[in-house]
PDB file of all heavy atoms in Angstrom:
ATOM      1  N   ARG A   1      29.241  46.358  11.151  1.00  0.00           N
ATOM      2  CA  ARG A   1      30.229  47.269  10.582  1.00  0.00           C
ATOM      3  C   ARG A   1      31.597  46.628  10.396  1.00  0.00           C
ATOM      4  O   ARG A   1      32.524  47.268   9.902  1.00  0.00           O
ATOM      5  CB  ARG A   1      30.365  48.502  11.482  1.00  0.00           C
ATOM      6  CG  ARG A   1      29.081  49.311  11.601  1.00  0.00           C
ATOM      7  CD  ARG A   1      29.275  50.518  12.505  1.00  0.00           C
ATOM      8  NE  ARG A   1      28.044  51.277  12.663  1.00  0.00           N
ATOM      9  CZ  ARG A   1      27.933  52.364  13.420  1.00  0.00           C
ATOM     10  NH1 ARG A   1      28.981  52.798  14.099  1.00  0.00           N
ATOM     11  NH2 ARG A   1      26.773  53.003  13.513  1.00  0.00           N
ATOM     12  N   VAL A   2      31.732  45.368  10.799  1.00  0.00           N
ATOM     13  CA  VAL A   2      32.998  44.664  10.648  1.00  0.00           C
ATOM     14  C   VAL A   2      33.166  44.231   9.191  1.00  0.00           C
ATOM     15  O   VAL A   2      32.205  43.879   8.511  1.00  0.00           O
ATOM     16  CB  VAL A   2      33.053  43.440  11.586  1.00  0.00           C
ATOM     17  CG1 VAL A   2      34.360  42.667  11.415  1.00  0.00           C
ATOM     18  CG2 VAL A   2      32.869  43.876  13.027  1.00  0.00           C
ATOM     19  N   ASN A   3      34.385  44.261   8.722  1.00  0.00           N
ATOM     20  CA  ASN A   3      34.690  43.799   7.365  1.00  0.00           C
ATOM     21  C   ASN A   3      34.152  42.381   7.180  1.00  0.00           C
ATOM     22  O   ASN A   3      34.394  41.508   8.012  1.00  0.00           O
ATOM     23  CB  ASN A   3      36.208  43.821   7.155  1.00  0.00           C
ATOM     24  CG  ASN A   3      36.577  43.567   5.699  1.00  0.00           C
ATOM     25  OD1 ASN A   3      36.113  42.622   5.072  1.00  0.00           O
ATOM     26  ND2 ASN A   3      37.422  44.432   5.169  1.00  0.00           N
ATOM     27  N   PRO A   4      33.406  42.128   6.071  1.00  0.00           N
ATOM     28  CA  PRO A   4      32.781  40.810   5.880  1.00  0.00           C
ATOM     29  C   PRO A   4      33.750  39.644   5.972  1.00  0.00           C
ATOM     30  O   PRO A   4      33.391  38.579   6.487  1.00  0.00           O
ATOM     31  CB  PRO A   4      32.174  40.915   4.476  1.00  0.00           C
ATOM     32  CG  PRO A   4      31.906  42.371   4.297  1.00  0.00           C
ATOM     33  CD  PRO A   4      33.006  43.082   5.021  1.00  0.00           C
ATOM     34  N   LYS A   5      34.974  39.811   5.502  1.00  0.00           N
ATOM     35  CA  LYS A   5      35.918  38.685   5.532  1.00  0.00           C
ATOM     36  C   LYS A   5      36.383  38.375   6.954  1.00  0.00           C
ATOM     37  O   LYS A   5      36.851  37.264   7.235  1.00  0.00           O
ATOM     38  CB  LYS A   5      37.120  38.968   4.628  1.00  0.00           C
ATOM     39  CG  LYS A   5      38.001  40.105   5.061  1.00  0.00           C
ATOM     40  CD  LYS A   5      39.153  40.268   4.074  1.00  0.00           C
ATOM     41  CE  LYS A   5      40.082  41.408   4.486  1.00  0.00           C
ATOM     42  NZ  LYS A   5      41.209  41.562   3.525  1.00  0.00           N
ATOM     43  N   TYR A   6      36.241  39.339   7.858  1.00  0.00           N
ATOM     44  CA  TYR A   6      36.544  39.085   9.265  1.00  0.00           C
ATOM     45  C   TYR A   6      35.281  38.686  10.037  1.00  0.00           C
ATOM     46  O   TYR A   6      35.351  37.918  10.988  1.00  0.00           O
ATOM     47  CB  TYR A   6      37.161  40.314   9.920  1.00  0.00           C
ATOM     48  CG  TYR A   6      38.460  40.745   9.285  1.00  0.00           C
ATOM     49  CD1 TYR A   6      38.640  42.051   8.841  1.00  0.00           C
ATOM     50  CD2 TYR A   6      39.507  39.843   9.125  1.00  0.00           C
ATOM     51  CE1 TYR A   6      39.830  42.453   8.250  1.00  0.00           C
ATOM     52  CE2 TYR A   6      40.701  40.238   8.537  1.00  0.00           C
ATOM     53  CZ  TYR A   6      40.855  41.533   8.098  1.00  0.00           C
ATOM     54  OH  TYR A   6      42.031  41.920   7.518  1.00  0.00           O
ATOM     55  N   ARG A   7      34.137  39.212   9.608  1.00  0.00           N
ATOM     56  CA  ARG A   7      32.889  38.947  10.311  1.00  0.00           C
ATOM     57  C   ARG A   7      32.530  37.464  10.274  1.00  0.00           C
ATOM     58  O   ARG A   7      32.044  36.906  11.261  1.00  0.00           O
ATOM     59  CB  ARG A   7      31.762  39.783   9.712  1.00  0.00           C
ATOM     60  CG  ARG A   7      30.439  39.604  10.445  1.00  0.00           C
ATOM     61  CD  ARG A   7      29.409  40.630  10.014  1.00  0.00           C
ATOM     62  NE  ARG A   7      29.070  40.516   8.613  1.00  0.00           N
ATOM     63  CZ  ARG A   7      29.214  41.490   7.720  1.00  0.00           C
ATOM     64  NH1 ARG A   7      29.714  42.657   8.091  1.00  0.00           N
ATOM     65  NH2 ARG A   7      28.877  41.309   6.465  1.00  0.00           N
ATOM     66  N   VAL A   8      32.754  36.811   9.140  1.00  0.00           N
ATOM     67  CA  VAL A   8      32.402  35.394   9.029  1.00  0.00           C
ATOM     68  C   VAL A   8      33.213  34.553  10.020  1.00  0.00           C
ATOM     69  O   VAL A   8      32.690  33.597  10.612  1.00  0.00           O
ATOM     70  CB  VAL A   8      32.608  34.905   7.575  1.00  0.00           C
ATOM     71  CG1 VAL A   8      34.076  34.937   7.182  1.00  0.00           C
ATOM     72  CG2 VAL A   8      32.040  33.505   7.396  1.00  0.00           C
ATOM     73  N   HIS A   9      34.460  34.927  10.264  1.00  0.00           N
ATOM     74  CA  HIS A   9      35.276  34.203  11.235  1.00  0.00           C
ATOM     75  C   HIS A   9      34.829  34.512  12.662  1.00  0.00           C
ATOM     76  O   HIS A   9      34.852  33.633  13.536  1.00  0.00           O
ATOM     77  CB  HIS A   9      36.752  34.561  11.060  1.00  0.00           C
ATOM     78  CG  HIS A   9      37.357  34.034   9.800  1.00  0.00           C
ATOM     79  ND1 HIS A   9      37.799  32.732   9.676  1.00  0.00           N
ATOM     80  CD2 HIS A   9      37.571  34.627   8.594  1.00  0.00           C
ATOM     81  CE1 HIS A   9      38.275  32.544   8.454  1.00  0.00           C
ATOM     82  NE2 HIS A   9      38.157  33.666   7.781  1.00  0.00           N
ATOM     83  N   LEU A  10      34.428  35.750  12.897  1.00  0.00           N
ATOM     84  CA  LEU A  10      33.938  36.128  14.221  1.00  0.00           C
ATOM     85  C   LEU A  10      32.682  35.342  14.578  1.00  0.00           C
ATOM     86  O   LEU A  10      32.564  34.792  15.689  1.00  0.00           O
ATOM     87  CB  LEU A  10      33.653  37.630  14.255  1.00  0.00           C
ATOM     88  CG  LEU A  10      32.977  38.175  15.519  1.00  0.00           C
ATOM     89  CD1 LEU A  10      33.889  37.999  16.725  1.00  0.00           C
ATOM     90  CD2 LEU A  10      32.602  39.649  15.342  1.00  0.00           C
ATOM     91  N   LEU A  11      31.738  35.255  13.651  1.00  0.00           N
ATOM     92  CA  LEU A  11      30.497  34.523  13.904  1.00  0.00           C
ATOM     93  C   LEU A  11      30.753  33.022  14.024  1.00  0.00           C
ATOM     94  O   LEU A  11      30.119  32.339  14.842  1.00  0.00           O
ATOM     95  CB  LEU A  11      29.491  34.811  12.784  1.00  0.00           C
ATOM     96  CG  LEU A  11      29.026  36.265  12.673  1.00  0.00           C
ATOM     97  CD1 LEU A  11      28.095  36.444  11.482  1.00  0.00           C
ATOM     98  CD2 LEU A  11      28.345  36.717  13.958  1.00  0.00           C
ATOM     99  N   ALA A  12      31.659  32.505  13.207  1.00  0.00           N
ATOM    100  CA  ALA A  12      31.998  31.083  13.295  1.00  0.00           C
ATOM    101  C   ALA A  12      32.625  30.754  14.644  1.00  0.00           C
ATOM    102  O   ALA A  12      32.335  29.712  15.243  1.00  0.00           O
ATOM    103  CB  ALA A  12      32.941  30.691  12.156  1.00  0.00           C
ATOM    104  N   LEU A  13      33.478  31.646  15.127  1.00  0.00           N
ATOM    105  CA  LEU A  13      34.098  31.441  16.435  1.00  0.00           C
ATOM    106  C   LEU A  13      33.048  31.467  17.543  1.00  0.00           C
ATOM    107  O   LEU A  13      33.087  30.646  18.468  1.00  0.00           O
ATOM    108  CB  LEU A  13      35.153  32.515  16.684  1.00  0.00           C
ATOM    109  CG  LEU A  13      35.891  32.447  18.023  1.00  0.00           C
ATOM    110  CD1 LEU A  13      36.641  31.126  18.159  1.00  0.00           C
ATOM    111  CD2 LEU A  13      36.855  33.620  18.162  1.00  0.00           C
ATOM    112  N   LEU A  14      32.096  32.400  17.434  1.00  0.00           N
ATOM    113  CA  LEU A  14      31.034  32.472  18.438  1.00  0.00           C
ATOM    114  C   LEU A  14      30.194  31.205  18.434  1.00  0.00           C
ATOM    115  O   LEU A  14      29.886  30.644  19.503  1.00  0.00           O
ATOM    116  CB  LEU A  14      30.150  33.695  18.164  1.00  0.00           C
ATOM    117  CG  LEU A  14      28.906  33.810  19.048  1.00  0.00           C
ATOM    118  CD1 LEU A  14      29.302  33.993  20.511  1.00  0.00           C
ATOM    119  CD2 LEU A  14      28.009  34.956  18.577  1.00  0.00           C
ATOM    120  N   ILE A  15      29.800  30.736  17.259  1.00  0.00           N
ATOM    121  CA  ILE A  15      28.992  29.516  17.167  1.00  0.00           C
ATOM    122  C   ILE A  15      29.747  28.326  17.753  1.00  0.00           C
ATOM    123  O   ILE A  15      29.174  27.505  18.489  1.00  0.00           O
ATOM    124  CB  ILE A  15      28.603  29.244  15.700  1.00  0.00           C
ATOM    125  CG1 ILE A  15      27.583  30.301  15.231  1.00  0.00           C
ATOM    126  CG2 ILE A  15      28.023  27.839  15.534  1.00  0.00           C
ATOM    127  CD1 ILE A  15      27.230  30.201  13.763  1.00  0.00           C
ATOM    128  N   THR A  16      31.044  28.239  17.463  1.00  0.00           N
ATOM    129  CA  THR A  16      31.849  27.152  18.011  1.00  0.00           C
ATOM    130  C   THR A  16      31.907  27.220  19.531  1.00  0.00           C
ATOM    131  O   THR A  16      31.815  26.194  20.222  1.00  0.00           O
ATOM    132  CB  THR A  16      33.272  27.202  17.433  1.00  0.00           C
ATOM    133  OG1 THR A  16      33.202  27.187  15.996  1.00  0.00           O
ATOM    134  CG2 THR A  16      34.089  26.018  17.901  1.00  0.00           C
ATOM    135  N   MET A  17      32.041  28.424  20.075  1.00  0.00           N
ATOM    136  CA  MET A  17      32.068  28.593  21.526  1.00  0.00           C
ATOM    137  C   MET A  17      30.732  28.211  22.153  1.00  0.00           C
ATOM    138  O   MET A  17      30.687  27.574  23.216  1.00  0.00           O
ATOM    139  CB  MET A  17      32.426  30.037  21.868  1.00  0.00           C
ATOM    140  CG  MET A  17      33.847  30.430  21.513  1.00  0.00           C
ATOM    141  SD  MET A  17      34.157  32.199  21.733  1.00  0.00           S
ATOM    142  CE  MET A  17      33.828  32.384  23.495  1.00  0.00           C
ATOM    143  N   LEU A  18      29.628  28.572  21.510  1.00  0.00           N
ATOM    144  CA  LEU A  18      28.317  28.229  22.027  1.00  0.00           C
ATOM    145  C   LEU A  18      28.078  26.718  21.973  1.00  0.00           C
ATOM    146  O   LEU A  18      27.488  26.138  22.892  1.00  0.00           O
ATOM    147  CB  LEU A  18      27.229  28.968  21.247  1.00  0.00           C
ATOM    148  CG  LEU A  18      27.203  30.489  21.397  1.00  0.00           C
ATOM    149  CD1 LEU A  18      26.118  31.107  20.527  1.00  0.00           C
ATOM    150  CD2 LEU A  18      27.001  30.889  22.849  1.00  0.00           C
ATOM    151  N   VAL A  19      28.533  26.090  20.901  1.00  0.00           N
ATOM    152  CA  VAL A  19      28.418  24.630  20.799  1.00  0.00           C
ATOM    153  C   VAL A  19      29.225  23.957  21.910  1.00  0.00           C
ATOM    154  O   VAL A  19      28.776  22.991  22.527  1.00  0.00           O
ATOM    155  CB  VAL A  19      28.894  24.156  19.411  1.00  0.00           C
ATOM    156  CG1 VAL A  19      29.043  22.629  19.388  1.00  0.00           C
ATOM    157  CG2 VAL A  19      27.913  24.610  18.335  1.00  0.00           C
ATOM    158  N   TYR A  20      30.409  24.497  22.179  1.00  0.00           N
ATOM    159  CA  TYR A  20      31.242  23.936  23.246  1.00  0.00           C
ATOM    160  C   TYR A  20      30.586  24.131  24.615  1.00  0.00           C
ATOM    161  O   TYR A  20      30.624  23.246  25.473  1.00  0.00           O
ATOM    162  CB  TYR A  20      32.619  24.589  23.230  1.00  0.00           C
ATOM    163  CG  TYR A  20      33.531  24.128  24.346  1.00  0.00           C
ATOM    164  CD1 TYR A  20      34.091  22.855  24.334  1.00  0.00           C
ATOM    165  CD2 TYR A  20      33.821  24.973  25.419  1.00  0.00           C
ATOM    166  CE1 TYR A  20      34.923  22.421  25.358  1.00  0.00           C
ATOM    167  CE2 TYR A  20      34.653  24.546  26.454  1.00  0.00           C
ATOM    168  CZ  TYR A  20      35.193  23.277  26.412  1.00  0.00           C
ATOM    169  OH  TYR A  20      36.012  22.847  27.430  1.00  0.00           O
ATOM    170  N   ALA A  21      29.950  25.296  24.800  1.00  0.00           N
ATOM    171  CA  ALA A  21      29.367  25.619  26.104  1.00  0.00           C
ATOM    172  C   ALA A  21      28.075  24.852  26.367  1.00  0.00           C
ATOM    173  O   ALA A  21      27.822  24.412  27.492  1.00  0.00           O
ATOM    174  CB  ALA A  21      29.116  27.119  26.207  1.00  0.00           C
ATOM    175  N   GLY A  22      27.242  24.694  25.349  1.00  0.00           N
ATOM    176  CA  GLY A  22      25.929  24.095  25.586  1.00  0.00           C
ATOM    177  C   GLY A  22      25.601  22.904  24.725  1.00  0.00           C
ATOM    178  O   GLY A  22      24.474  22.388  24.783  1.00  0.00           O
ATOM    179  N   GLY A  23      26.566  22.448  23.941  1.00  0.00           N
ATOM    180  CA  GLY A  23      26.287  21.322  23.056  1.00  0.00           C
ATOM    181  C   GLY A  23      25.916  20.061  23.785  1.00  0.00           C
ATOM    182  O   GLY A  23      25.095  19.266  23.309  1.00  0.00           O
ATOM    183  N   ASN A  24      26.479  19.849  24.977  1.00  0.00           N
ATOM    184  CA  ASN A  24      26.170  18.638  25.740  1.00  0.00           C
ATOM    185  C   ASN A  24      24.860  18.739  26.503  1.00  0.00           C
ATOM    186  O   ASN A  24      24.395  17.761  27.088  1.00  0.00           O
ATOM    187  CB  ASN A  24      27.308  18.349  26.725  1.00  0.00           C
ATOM    188  CG  ASN A  24      27.489  19.467  27.737  1.00  0.00           C
ATOM    189  OD1 ASN A  24      27.283  20.637  27.412  1.00  0.00           O
ATOM    190  ND2 ASN A  24      27.877  19.123  28.948  1.00  0.00           N
ATOM    191  N   LEU A  25      24.244  19.924  26.507  1.00  0.00           N
ATOM    192  CA  LEU A  25      22.983  20.119  27.230  1.00  0.00           C
ATOM    193  C   LEU A  25      21.781  20.188  26.291  1.00  0.00           C
ATOM    194  O   LEU A  25      20.749  19.571  26.550  1.00  0.00           O
ATOM    195  CB  LEU A  25      23.054  21.398  28.073  1.00  0.00           C
ATOM    196  CG  LEU A  25      24.089  21.400  29.192  1.00  0.00           C
ATOM    197  CD1 LEU A  25      24.122  22.765  29.877  1.00  0.00           C
ATOM    198  CD2 LEU A  25      23.780  20.310  30.211  1.00  0.00           C
ATOM    199  N   THR A  26      21.914  20.953  25.217  1.00  0.00           N
ATOM    200  CA  THR A  26      20.794  21.103  24.273  1.00  0.00           C
ATOM    201  C   THR A  26      21.204  20.889  22.828  1.00  0.00           C
ATOM    202  O   THR A  26      20.352  20.777  21.954  1.00  0.00           O
ATOM    203  CB  THR A  26      20.166  22.507  24.382  1.00  0.00           C
ATOM    204  OG1 THR A  26      21.128  23.494  23.963  1.00  0.00           O
ATOM    205  CG2 THR A  26      19.722  22.801  25.809  1.00  0.00           C
ATOM    206  N   GLY A  27      22.492  20.872  22.553  1.00  0.00           N
ATOM    207  CA  GLY A  27      22.955  20.827  21.177  1.00  0.00           C
ATOM    208  C   GLY A  27      23.298  22.199  20.646  1.00  0.00           C
ATOM    209  O   GLY A  27      23.936  22.328  19.609  1.00  0.00           O
ATOM    210  N   ALA A  28      22.881  23.249  21.372  1.00  0.00           N
ATOM    211  CA  ALA A  28      23.156  24.641  20.975  1.00  0.00           C
ATOM    212  C   ALA A  28      22.781  24.863  19.514  1.00  0.00           C
ATOM    213  O   ALA A  28      23.606  25.224  18.683  1.00  0.00           O
ATOM    214  CB  ALA A  28      24.630  24.990  21.218  1.00  0.00           C
ATOM    215  N   VAL A  29      21.517  24.671  19.192  1.00  0.00           N
ATOM    216  CA  VAL A  29      21.054  24.752  17.803  1.00  0.00           C
ATOM    217  C   VAL A  29      20.628  26.173  17.445  1.00  0.00           C
ATOM    218  O   VAL A  29      21.063  26.736  16.444  1.00  0.00           O
ATOM    219  CB  VAL A  29      19.897  23.758  17.568  1.00  0.00           C
ATOM    220  CG1 VAL A  29      19.449  23.819  16.121  1.00  0.00           C
ATOM    221  CG2 VAL A  29      20.326  22.336  17.919  1.00  0.00           C
ATOM    222  N   PHE A  30      19.773  26.758  18.254  1.00  0.00           N
ATOM    223  CA  PHE A  30      19.133  28.064  18.049  1.00  0.00           C
ATOM    224  C   PHE A  30      18.763  28.341  16.587  1.00  0.00           C
ATOM    225  O   PHE A  30      18.915  29.432  16.074  1.00  0.00           O
ATOM    226  CB  PHE A  30      19.958  29.223  18.646  1.00  0.00           C
ATOM    227  CG  PHE A  30      21.427  29.271  18.318  1.00  0.00           C
ATOM    228  CD1 PHE A  30      21.882  29.978  17.229  1.00  0.00           C
ATOM    229  CD2 PHE A  30      22.333  28.628  19.136  1.00  0.00           C
ATOM    230  CE1 PHE A  30      23.225  30.053  16.936  1.00  0.00           C
ATOM    231  CE2 PHE A  30      23.681  28.691  18.864  1.00  0.00           C
ATOM    232  CZ  PHE A  30      24.137  29.402  17.762  1.00  0.00           C
ATOM    233  N   ASN A  31      18.244  27.300  15.926  1.00  0.00           N
ATOM    234  CA  ASN A  31      17.740  27.396  14.554  1.00  0.00           C
ATOM    235  C   ASN A  31      16.600  26.397  14.431  1.00  0.00           C
ATOM    236  O   ASN A  31      16.840  25.184  14.406  1.00  0.00           O
ATOM    237  CB  ASN A  31      18.851  27.086  13.553  1.00  0.00           C
ATOM    238  CG  ASN A  31      18.400  27.215  12.101  1.00  0.00           C
ATOM    239  OD1 ASN A  31      17.230  27.047  11.773  1.00  0.00           O
ATOM    240  ND2 ASN A  31      19.346  27.511  11.221  1.00  0.00           N
ATOM    241  N   PRO A  32      15.344  26.856  14.364  1.00  0.00           N
ATOM    242  CA  PRO A  32      14.198  25.936  14.352  1.00  0.00           C
ATOM    243  C   PRO A  32      14.227  24.921  13.217  1.00  0.00           C
ATOM    244  O   PRO A  32      13.891  23.748  13.423  1.00  0.00           O
ATOM    245  CB  PRO A  32      12.999  26.885  14.224  1.00  0.00           C
ATOM    246  CG  PRO A  32      13.469  28.169  14.823  1.00  0.00           C
ATOM    247  CD  PRO A  32      14.915  28.270  14.457  1.00  0.00           C
ATOM    248  N   ALA A  33      14.610  25.350  12.014  1.00  0.00           N
ATOM    249  CA  ALA A  33      14.640  24.425  10.880  1.00  0.00           C
ATOM    250  C   ALA A  33      15.719  23.366  11.069  1.00  0.00           C
ATOM    251  O   ALA A  33      15.487  22.171  10.824  1.00  0.00           O
ATOM    252  CB  ALA A  33      14.876  25.196   9.585  1.00  0.00           C
ATOM    253  N   LEU A  34      16.883  23.767  11.521  1.00  0.00           N
ATOM    254  CA  LEU A  34      17.975  22.824  11.750  1.00  0.00           C
ATOM    255  C   LEU A  34      17.614  21.837  12.856  1.00  0.00           C
ATOM    256  O   LEU A  34      17.935  20.647  12.765  1.00  0.00           O
ATOM    257  CB  LEU A  34      19.245  23.594  12.113  1.00  0.00           C
ATOM    258  CG  LEU A  34      20.487  22.750  12.430  1.00  0.00           C
ATOM    259  CD1 LEU A  34      20.850  21.855  11.250  1.00  0.00           C
ATOM    260  CD2 LEU A  34      21.659  23.652  12.800  1.00  0.00           C
ATOM    261  N   ALA A  35      16.956  22.317  13.906  1.00  0.00           N
ATOM    262  CA  ALA A  35      16.542  21.441  15.002  1.00  0.00           C
ATOM    263  C   ALA A  35      15.590  20.352  14.504  1.00  0.00           C
ATOM    264  O   ALA A  35      15.702  19.189  14.893  1.00  0.00           O
ATOM    265  CB  ALA A  35      15.884  22.256  16.107  1.00  0.00           C
ATOM    266  N   LEU A  36      14.653  20.719  13.637  1.00  0.00           N
ATOM    267  CA  LEU A  36      13.723  19.735  13.085  1.00  0.00           C
ATOM    268  C   LEU A  36      14.456  18.699  12.250  1.00  0.00           C
ATOM    269  O   LEU A  36      14.140  17.503  12.298  1.00  0.00           O
ATOM    270  CB  LEU A  36      12.662  20.437  12.242  1.00  0.00           C
ATOM    271  CG  LEU A  36      11.640  19.535  11.545  1.00  0.00           C
ATOM    272  CD1 LEU A  36      10.806  18.771  12.567  1.00  0.00           C
ATOM    273  CD2 LEU A  36      10.734  20.344  10.626  1.00  0.00           C
ATOM    274  N   SER A  37      15.445  19.146  11.484  1.00  0.00           N
ATOM    275  CA  SER A  37      16.197  18.228  10.640  1.00  0.00           C
ATOM    276  C   SER A  37      17.058  17.274  11.460  1.00  0.00           C
ATOM    277  O   SER A  37      17.191  16.101  11.115  1.00  0.00           O
ATOM    278  CB  SER A  37      17.084  19.021   9.668  1.00  0.00           C
ATOM    279  OG  SER A  37      17.751  18.165   8.772  1.00  0.00           O
ATOM    280  N   LEU A  38      17.618  17.764  12.561  1.00  0.00           N
ATOM    281  CA  LEU A  38      18.495  16.941  13.389  1.00  0.00           C
ATOM    282  C   LEU A  38      17.723  15.965  14.274  1.00  0.00           C
ATOM    283  O   LEU A  38      18.181  14.849  14.522  1.00  0.00           O
ATOM    284  CB  LEU A  38      19.380  17.834  14.275  1.00  0.00           C
ATOM    285  CG  LEU A  38      20.432  18.688  13.575  1.00  0.00           C
ATOM    286  CD1 LEU A  38      21.147  19.570  14.595  1.00  0.00           C
ATOM    287  CD2 LEU A  38      21.430  17.821  12.838  1.00  0.00           C
ATOM    288  N   HIS A  39      16.546  16.376  14.754  1.00  0.00           N
ATOM    289  CA  HIS A  39      15.832  15.573  15.755  1.00  0.00           C
ATOM    290  C   HIS A  39      14.356  15.367  15.379  1.00  0.00           C
ATOM    291  O   HIS A  39      13.463  15.686  16.170  1.00  0.00           O
ATOM    292  CB  HIS A  39      15.914  16.259  17.117  1.00  0.00           C
ATOM    293  CG  HIS A  39      17.292  16.697  17.495  1.00  0.00           C
ATOM    294  ND1 HIS A  39      18.333  15.822  17.679  1.00  0.00           N
ATOM    295  CD2 HIS A  39      17.799  17.944  17.711  1.00  0.00           C
ATOM    296  CE1 HIS A  39      19.429  16.494  17.996  1.00  0.00           C
ATOM    297  NE2 HIS A  39      19.132  17.775  18.029  1.00  0.00           N
ATOM    298  N   PRO A  40      14.072  14.835  14.201  1.00  0.00           N
ATOM    299  CA  PRO A  40      12.655  14.666  13.814  1.00  0.00           C
ATOM    300  C   PRO A  40      11.910  13.686  14.704  1.00  0.00           C
ATOM    301  O   PRO A  40      10.732  13.886  15.003  1.00  0.00           O
ATOM    302  CB  PRO A  40      12.750  14.154  12.365  1.00  0.00           C
ATOM    303  CG  PRO A  40      14.102  13.517  12.287  1.00  0.00           C
ATOM    304  CD  PRO A  40      14.986  14.317  13.176  1.00  0.00           C
ATOM    305  N   HIS A  41      12.579  12.620  15.152  1.00  0.00           N
ATOM    306  CA  HIS A  41      11.914  11.635  16.014  1.00  0.00           C
ATOM    307  C   HIS A  41      11.546  12.246  17.367  1.00  0.00           C
ATOM    308  O   HIS A  41      10.494  11.918  17.937  1.00  0.00           O
ATOM    309  CB  HIS A  41      12.830  10.429  16.222  1.00  0.00           C
ATOM    310  CG  HIS A  41      13.124   9.669  14.969  1.00  0.00           C
ATOM    311  ND1 HIS A  41      12.197   8.859  14.347  1.00  0.00           N
ATOM    312  CD2 HIS A  41      14.246   9.598  14.207  1.00  0.00           C
ATOM    313  CE1 HIS A  41      12.722   8.322  13.266  1.00  0.00           C
ATOM    314  NE2 HIS A  41      13.960   8.751  13.150  1.00  0.00           N
ATOM    315  N   CYS A  42      12.401  13.128  17.857  1.00  0.00           N
ATOM    316  CA  CYS A  42      12.116  13.764  19.144  1.00  0.00           C
ATOM    317  C   CYS A  42      10.907  14.691  19.033  1.00  0.00           C
ATOM    318  O   CYS A  42      10.081  14.760  19.953  1.00  0.00           O
ATOM    319  CB  CYS A  42      13.342  14.550  19.617  1.00  0.00           C
ATOM    320  SG  CYS A  42      14.818  13.539  19.849  1.00  0.00           S
ATOM    321  N   PHE A  43      10.805  15.417  17.919  1.00  0.00           N
ATOM    322  CA  PHE A  43       9.645  16.283  17.720  1.00  0.00           C
ATOM    323  C   PHE A  43       8.373  15.452  17.607  1.00  0.00           C
ATOM    324  O   PHE A  43       7.299  15.879  18.052  1.00  0.00           O
ATOM    325  CB  PHE A  43       9.837  17.133  16.461  1.00  0.00           C
ATOM    326  CG  PHE A  43      10.634  18.388  16.683  1.00  0.00           C
ATOM    327  CD1 PHE A  43      12.004  18.398  16.487  1.00  0.00           C
ATOM    328  CD2 PHE A  43      10.028  19.555  17.103  1.00  0.00           C
ATOM    329  CE1 PHE A  43      12.751  19.546  16.694  1.00  0.00           C
ATOM    330  CE2 PHE A  43      10.757  20.711  17.309  1.00  0.00           C
ATOM    331  CZ  PHE A  43      12.132  20.711  17.105  1.00  0.00           C
ATOM    332  N   TYR A  44       8.489  14.278  17.014  1.00  0.00           N
ATOM    333  CA  TYR A  44       7.317  13.417  16.868  1.00  0.00           C
ATOM    334  C   TYR A  44       6.872  12.864  18.217  1.00  0.00           C
ATOM    335  O   TYR A  44       5.669  12.790  18.499  1.00  0.00           O
ATOM    336  CB  TYR A  44       7.632  12.267  15.903  1.00  0.00           C
ATOM    337  CG  TYR A  44       6.505  11.283  15.727  1.00  0.00           C
ATOM    338  CD1 TYR A  44       5.397  11.604  14.931  1.00  0.00           C
ATOM    339  CD2 TYR A  44       6.539  10.033  16.352  1.00  0.00           C
ATOM    340  CE1 TYR A  44       4.361  10.702  14.769  1.00  0.00           C
ATOM    341  CE2 TYR A  44       5.504   9.132  16.192  1.00  0.00           C
ATOM    342  CZ  TYR A  44       4.417   9.471  15.402  1.00  0.00           C
ATOM    343  OH  TYR A  44       3.381   8.578  15.240  1.00  0.00           O
ATOM    344  N   GLU A  45       7.838  12.491  19.061  1.00  0.00           N
ATOM    345  CA  GLU A  45       7.504  11.871  20.339  1.00  0.00           C
ATOM    346  C   GLU A  45       7.150  12.898  21.417  1.00  0.00           C
ATOM    347  O   GLU A  45       6.293  12.634  22.257  1.00  0.00           O
ATOM    348  CB  GLU A  45       8.689  11.016  20.807  1.00  0.00           C
ATOM    349  CG  GLU A  45       8.989   9.844  19.894  1.00  0.00           C
ATOM    350  CD  GLU A  45      10.254   9.104  20.294  1.00  0.00           C
ATOM    351  OE1 GLU A  45      10.820   9.441  21.365  1.00  0.00           O
ATOM    352  OE2 GLU A  45      10.680   8.197  19.551  1.00  0.00           O
ATOM    353  N   LYS A  46       7.827  14.048  21.414  1.00  0.00           N
ATOM    354  CA  LYS A  46       7.616  15.058  22.455  1.00  0.00           C
ATOM    355  C   LYS A  46       7.514  16.430  21.807  1.00  0.00           C
ATOM    356  O   LYS A  46       8.345  17.303  22.026  1.00  0.00           O
ATOM    357  CB  LYS A  46       8.763  15.032  23.469  1.00  0.00           C
ATOM    358  CG  LYS A  46       8.999  13.681  24.109  1.00  0.00           C
ATOM    359  CD  LYS A  46      10.236  13.688  24.984  1.00  0.00           C
ATOM    360  CE  LYS A  46      10.523  12.319  25.568  1.00  0.00           C
ATOM    361  NZ  LYS A  46      11.758  12.318  26.385  1.00  0.00           N
ATOM    362  N   PHE A  47       6.483  16.597  20.998  1.00  0.00           N
ATOM    363  CA  PHE A  47       6.387  17.803  20.181  1.00  0.00           C
ATOM    364  C   PHE A  47       6.327  19.070  21.015  1.00  0.00           C
ATOM    365  O   PHE A  47       6.992  20.070  20.707  1.00  0.00           O
ATOM    366  CB  PHE A  47       5.155  17.723  19.270  1.00  0.00           C
ATOM    367  CG  PHE A  47       4.972  18.956  18.421  1.00  0.00           C
ATOM    368  CD1 PHE A  47       5.723  19.153  17.279  1.00  0.00           C
ATOM    369  CD2 PHE A  47       4.039  19.931  18.781  1.00  0.00           C
ATOM    370  CE1 PHE A  47       5.567  20.285  16.504  1.00  0.00           C
ATOM    371  CE2 PHE A  47       3.878  21.065  18.009  1.00  0.00           C
ATOM    372  CZ  PHE A  47       4.635  21.238  16.870  1.00  0.00           C
ATOM    373  N   LEU A  48       5.539  19.069  22.069  1.00  0.00           N
ATOM    374  CA  LEU A  48       5.327  20.288  22.847  1.00  0.00           C
ATOM    375  C   LEU A  48       6.635  20.789  23.466  1.00  0.00           C
ATOM    376  O   LEU A  48       6.995  21.967  23.332  1.00  0.00           O
ATOM    377  CB  LEU A  48       4.289  20.043  23.946  1.00  0.00           C
ATOM    378  CG  LEU A  48       3.914  21.270  24.795  1.00  0.00           C
ATOM    379  CD1 LEU A  48       3.354  22.373  23.907  1.00  0.00           C
ATOM    380  CD2 LEU A  48       2.922  20.886  25.884  1.00  0.00           C
TER     381      LEU A  48
END
């Protein structure tokens, strides 16, 4: 229900905070397609 021009900044701020909080531990990706693109060698070596 937030105005779209404010919502995009709210979500961007949240993503930035999550990256800061967990980026050094997992990368804070929470996007399966993006994870595959960023770490294809890791999926190949340790797929499970």
